[in-house]
């Protein structure tokens, strides 16, 4: 739906509101026990790959991992925002047909 002549520009204030909501939801998600457990398991798996190695001595790997995770988070955020745009356009189209 994005890019065509009927594509609607989402106002910056709305994008900001969505970003604030996304940040608030992410903070709630990070506190959920099941995800805390998954993070602990992830750290244990990392420690198993590099037993006894000081993580600060792996700067190249850590830098790659940070960039990889940031890219994935950026992709997910863009997917979310596109879903919001598509949803808004669908609601507008449905309201205009009424």
Protein backbone atom coordinates (compact mmCIF):
# COMPACT_ATOMS: atom_id res chain seq x y z
CA UNK A 1 0.00 0.00 0.00
CA UNK A 2 2.94 2.31 0.49
CA UNK A 3 4.17 4.48 -2.32
CA UNK A 4 1.06 4.59 -4.52
CA UNK A 5 -0.93 7.74 -5.26
CA UNK A 6 -3.48 6.75 -2.60
CA UNK A 7 -0.75 6.27 0.04
CA UNK A 8 -1.39 8.40 3.07
CA UNK A 9 1.41 10.17 4.90
CA UNK A 10 1.27 9.47 8.61
CA UNK A 11 1.74 12.70 10.58
CA UNK A 12 4.94 12.96 12.62
CA UNK A 13 2.97 13.35 15.87
CA UNK A 14 1.24 10.02 15.16
CA UNK A 15 4.54 8.29 14.38
CA UNK A 16 5.92 9.72 17.63
CA UNK A 17 2.90 8.42 19.55
CA UNK A 18 3.34 4.98 18.01
CA UNK A 19 7.08 5.03 18.86
CA UNK A 20 6.29 5.94 22.47
CA UNK A 21 3.76 3.11 22.65
CA UNK A 22 6.27 0.71 21.10
CA UNK A 23 8.87 1.75 23.70
CA UNK A 24 6.37 1.27 26.55
CA UNK A 25 5.28 -2.15 25.27
CA UNK A 26 8.92 -3.21 24.84
CA UNK A 27 9.65 -2.22 28.44
CA UNK A 28 6.71 -4.38 29.58
CA UNK A 29 7.86 -7.27 27.40
CA UNK A 30 11.39 -7.12 28.81
CA UNK A 31 9.98 -7.64 32.32
CA UNK A 32 7.99 -10.76 31.43
CA UNK A 33 9.30 -13.86 33.24
CA UNK A 34 9.25 -16.15 30.19
CA UNK A 35 11.41 -13.72 28.21
CA UNK A 36 13.74 -13.23 31.15
CA UNK A 37 14.17 -17.00 31.15
CA UNK A 38 14.95 -16.96 27.41
CA UNK A 39 17.55 -14.20 27.92
CA UNK A 40 19.17 -16.23 30.72
CA UNK A 41 19.26 -19.28 28.44
CA UNK A 42 20.80 -17.16 25.69
CA UNK A 43 23.54 -15.95 28.03
CA UNK A 44 24.18 -19.52 29.19
CA UNK A 45 24.50 -20.69 25.58
CA UNK A 46 26.93 -17.86 24.83
CA UNK A 47 28.98 -18.75 27.89
CA UNK A 48 29.00 -22.40 26.77
CA UNK A 49 30.41 -21.38 23.37
CA UNK A 50 33.20 -19.39 25.03
CA UNK A 51 33.78 -21.04 28.42
CA UNK A 52 36.09 -19.12 30.69
CA UNK A 53 36.60 -16.36 28.14
CA UNK A 54 36.16 -12.78 29.23
CA UNK A 55 33.46 -11.39 26.95
CA UNK A 56 35.20 -8.04 26.86
CA UNK A 57 38.08 -9.79 25.08
CA UNK A 58 35.82 -10.60 22.16
CA UNK A 59 35.25 -7.07 20.83
CA UNK A 60 34.96 -8.10 17.19
CA UNK A 61 32.29 -10.67 17.93
CA UNK A 62 30.46 -8.38 20.30
CA UNK A 63 30.50 -5.56 17.74
CA UNK A 64 29.12 -7.90 15.07
CA UNK A 65 26.43 -9.15 17.43
CA UNK A 66 25.40 -5.60 18.36
CA UNK A 67 25.12 -4.66 14.68
CA UNK A 68 23.24 -7.85 13.86
CA UNK A 69 20.74 -7.33 16.68
CA UNK A 70 20.32 -3.66 15.81
CA UNK A 71 19.60 -4.55 12.19
CA UNK A 72 17.02 -7.14 13.24
CA UNK A 73 15.38 -4.67 15.63
CA UNK A 74 15.28 -2.03 12.89
CA UNK A 75 13.66 -4.49 10.51
CA UNK A 76 11.06 -5.46 13.11
CA UNK A 77 10.32 -1.81 13.87
CA UNK A 78 9.83 -1.06 10.17
CA UNK A 79 7.54 -4.07 9.80
CA UNK A 80 5.51 -2.85 12.77
CA UNK A 81 5.27 0.71 11.43
CA UNK A 82 4.25 -0.58 7.99
CA UNK A 83 1.55 -2.65 9.67
CA UNK A 84 0.31 0.47 11.45
CA UNK A 85 0.28 2.42 8.17
CA UNK A 86 -1.56 -0.39 6.40
CA UNK A 87 -4.06 -0.59 9.26
CA UNK A 88 -4.70 3.15 9.19
CA UNK A 89 -5.17 3.08 5.42
CA UNK A 90 -7.58 0.14 5.73
CA UNK A 91 -9.64 1.92 8.40
CA UNK A 92 -9.79 5.10 6.30
CA UNK A 93 -10.81 3.11 3.21
CA UNK A 94 -13.53 1.30 5.17
CA UNK A 95 -14.81 4.55 6.69
CA UNK A 96 -14.89 6.24 3.27
CA UNK A 97 -16.96 3.35 1.87
CA UNK A 98 -19.52 3.67 4.66
